Amino acid sequence: MTHHATCQHERYRLTCGDFEELWEHAEGRCEICRKPAAETPDGRLFIDHAQQYGFFAVRGLLCSQCNSLMRYVDRGEKDDHRATAYQADAWFVRVLRARHAENVSARRRLRRATAAESAGA
């Protein structure tokens, strides 16, 4: 697991499992230009986050060039369709949607169980 060499993910409050999920989703490639990590200028991928929300708002993994591009895209200084698609599929948004769906399901199960208990009483 050479992609864990520095464990920089702890800075972003990610567990090793979270980082593995990011890596698998990215398939070991920059999520914008799709270069394999070994073929990027730095030979690795960097964790990208939405600065307006803080370090916990991890979007994905990028090469250094695409990570720099995102600074301009985030400020509205550049328009790039690949970067826009990447922003729309941010990791933290996918996680929040999944957790919301789990919470809704749990609340529904609880309401049904409470209604069944009330009907049986």
Protein backbone atom coordinates (compact mmCIF):
# COMPACT_ATOMS: atom_id res chain seq x y z
CA MET A 1 0.00 0.00 0.00
CA THR A 2 2.41 2.64 -1.19
CA HIS A 3 -0.41 5.17 -1.39
CA HIS A 4 -0.44 5.09 2.45
CA ALA A 5 3.25 6.03 2.64
CA THR A 6 2.67 9.37 4.40
CA CYS A 7 -0.80 8.82 5.90
CA GLN A 8 -1.61 12.47 5.17
CA HIS A 9 -5.29 11.53 5.45
CA GLU A 10 -5.22 11.95 9.25
CA ARG A 11 -4.94 15.73 8.72
CA TYR A 12 -8.35 15.56 7.03
CA ARG A 13 -9.88 13.44 9.80
CA LEU A 14 -10.07 10.41 7.53
CA THR A 15 -9.54 6.90 8.78
CA CYS A 16 -7.37 4.48 6.83
CA GLY A 17 -10.65 2.86 5.72
CA ASP A 18 -11.95 6.21 4.44
CA PHE A 19 -8.70 6.75 2.54
CA GLU A 20 -8.92 3.27 1.03
CA GLU A 21 -12.47 4.06 -0.10
CA LEU A 22 -11.22 7.27 -1.74
CA TRP A 23 -8.37 5.38 -3.42
CA GLU A 24 -10.70 2.67 -4.74
CA HIS A 25 -13.21 5.21 -6.01
CA ALA A 26 -10.41 7.05 -7.83
CA GLU A 27 -8.95 3.74 -9.07
CA GLY A 28 -5.51 5.06 -8.12
CA ARG A 29 -5.84 7.87 -10.67
CA CYS A 30 -6.31 11.62 -10.53
CA GLU A 31 -10.06 12.14 -10.49
CA ILE A 32 -9.90 14.94 -13.06
CA CYS A 33 -7.21 14.09 -15.62
CA ARG A 34 -7.29 10.32 -14.85
CA LYS A 35 -3.46 9.94 -14.80
CA PRO A 36 -2.32 6.99 -12.67
CA ALA A 37 -0.64 8.15 -9.46
CA ALA A 38 2.76 6.84 -10.57
CA GLU A 39 2.58 8.92 -13.78
CA THR A 40 1.73 12.23 -12.11
CA PRO A 41 4.43 14.92 -11.78
CA ASP A 42 4.93 14.08 -8.07
CA GLY A 43 4.34 10.35 -8.42
CA ARG A 44 1.39 10.47 -6.03
CA LEU A 45 -2.08 11.86 -5.48
CA PHE A 46 -3.11 14.57 -3.06
CA ILE A 47 -6.23 14.82 -0.94
CA ASP A 48 -8.39 17.67 -2.21
CA HIS A 49 -10.95 19.41 -0.02
CA ALA A 50 -13.50 22.19 -0.45
CA GLN A 51 -11.80 25.05 1.36
CA GLN A 52 -15.02 26.92 2.03
CA TYR A 53 -16.13 24.06 4.33
CA GLY A 54 -12.79 23.12 5.90
CA PHE A 55 -10.52 20.10 5.97
CA PHE A 56 -13.33 17.62 6.69
CA ALA A 57 -14.96 18.37 3.30
CA VAL A 58 -12.77 16.01 1.28
CA ARG A 59 -13.70 15.90 -2.40
CA GLY A 60 -11.27 13.28 -3.67
CA LEU A 61 -7.75 12.57 -4.90
CA LEU A 62 -5.94 14.73 -7.44
CA CYS A 63 -2.52 15.10 -9.03
CA SER A 64 -0.68 18.30 -8.14
CA GLN A 65 -1.62 20.00 -11.43
CA CYS A 66 -5.35 19.33 -11.07
CA ASN A 67 -5.19 20.25 -7.39
CA SER A 68 -3.79 23.64 -8.45
CA LEU A 69 -6.50 23.94 -11.12
CA MET A 70 -9.17 23.54 -8.42
CA ARG A 71 -7.99 26.73 -6.68
CA TYR A 72 -8.92 28.70 -9.81
CA VAL A 73 -12.15 26.78 -10.38
CA ASP A 74 -13.24 27.31 -6.76
CA ARG A 75 -12.66 31.07 -7.08
CA GLY A 76 -14.55 31.19 -10.37
CA GLU A 77 -11.43 32.22 -12.29
CA LYS A 78 -11.45 29.18 -14.58
CA ASP A 79 -14.17 27.04 -16.07
CA ASP A 80 -13.37 23.37 -16.69
CA HIS A 81 -16.11 20.81 -17.37
CA ARG A 82 -14.07 17.94 -15.90
CA ALA A 83 -13.44 19.90 -12.69
CA THR A 84 -17.13 20.82 -12.44
CA ALA A 85 -18.15 17.15 -12.79
CA TYR A 86 -15.59 16.24 -10.14
CA GLN A 87 -16.98 18.87 -7.74
CA ALA A 88 -20.50 17.54 -8.21
CA ASP A 89 -19.38 14.04 -7.16
CA ALA A 90 -17.41 15.07 -4.06
CA TRP A 91 -16.64 12.28 -1.59
CA PHE A 92 -18.00 14.18 1.44
CA VAL A 93 -21.30 14.80 -0.39
CA ARG A 94 -21.62 11.09 -1.26
CA VAL A 95 -20.94 10.19 2.38
CA LEU A 96 -23.48 12.72 3.69
CA ARG A 97 -26.14 11.48 1.26
CA ALA A 98 -25.55 7.87 2.33
CA ARG A 99 -25.69 8.77 6.02
CA HIS A 100 -28.86 10.79 5.47
CA ALA A 101 -30.48 7.84 3.70
CA GLU A 102 -29.47 5.55 6.59
CA ASN A 103 -30.93 8.01 9.12
CA VAL A 104 -34.21 8.27 7.21
CA SER A 105 -34.47 4.48 7.04
CA ALA A 106 -33.74 4.15 10.75
CA ARG A 107 -36.39 6.75 11.65
CA ARG A 108 -38.95 4.96 9.48
CA ARG A 109 -38.19 1.60 11.11
CA LEU A 110 -38.52 3.21 14.55
CA ARG A 111 -41.88 4.80 13.65
CA ARG A 112 -43.19 1.46 12.33
CA ALA A 113 -42.01 -0.37 15.46
CA THR A 114 -43.58 2.28 17.71
CA ALA A 115 -46.85 2.15 15.74
CA ALA A 116 -46.90 -1.65 15.96
CA GLU A 117 -46.34 -1.53 19.73
CA SER A 118 -49.14 1.04 20.11
CA ALA A 119 -51.51 -1.09 18.02
CA GLY A 120 -50.70 -4.20 20.07
CA ALA A 121 -51.21 -2.48 23.43
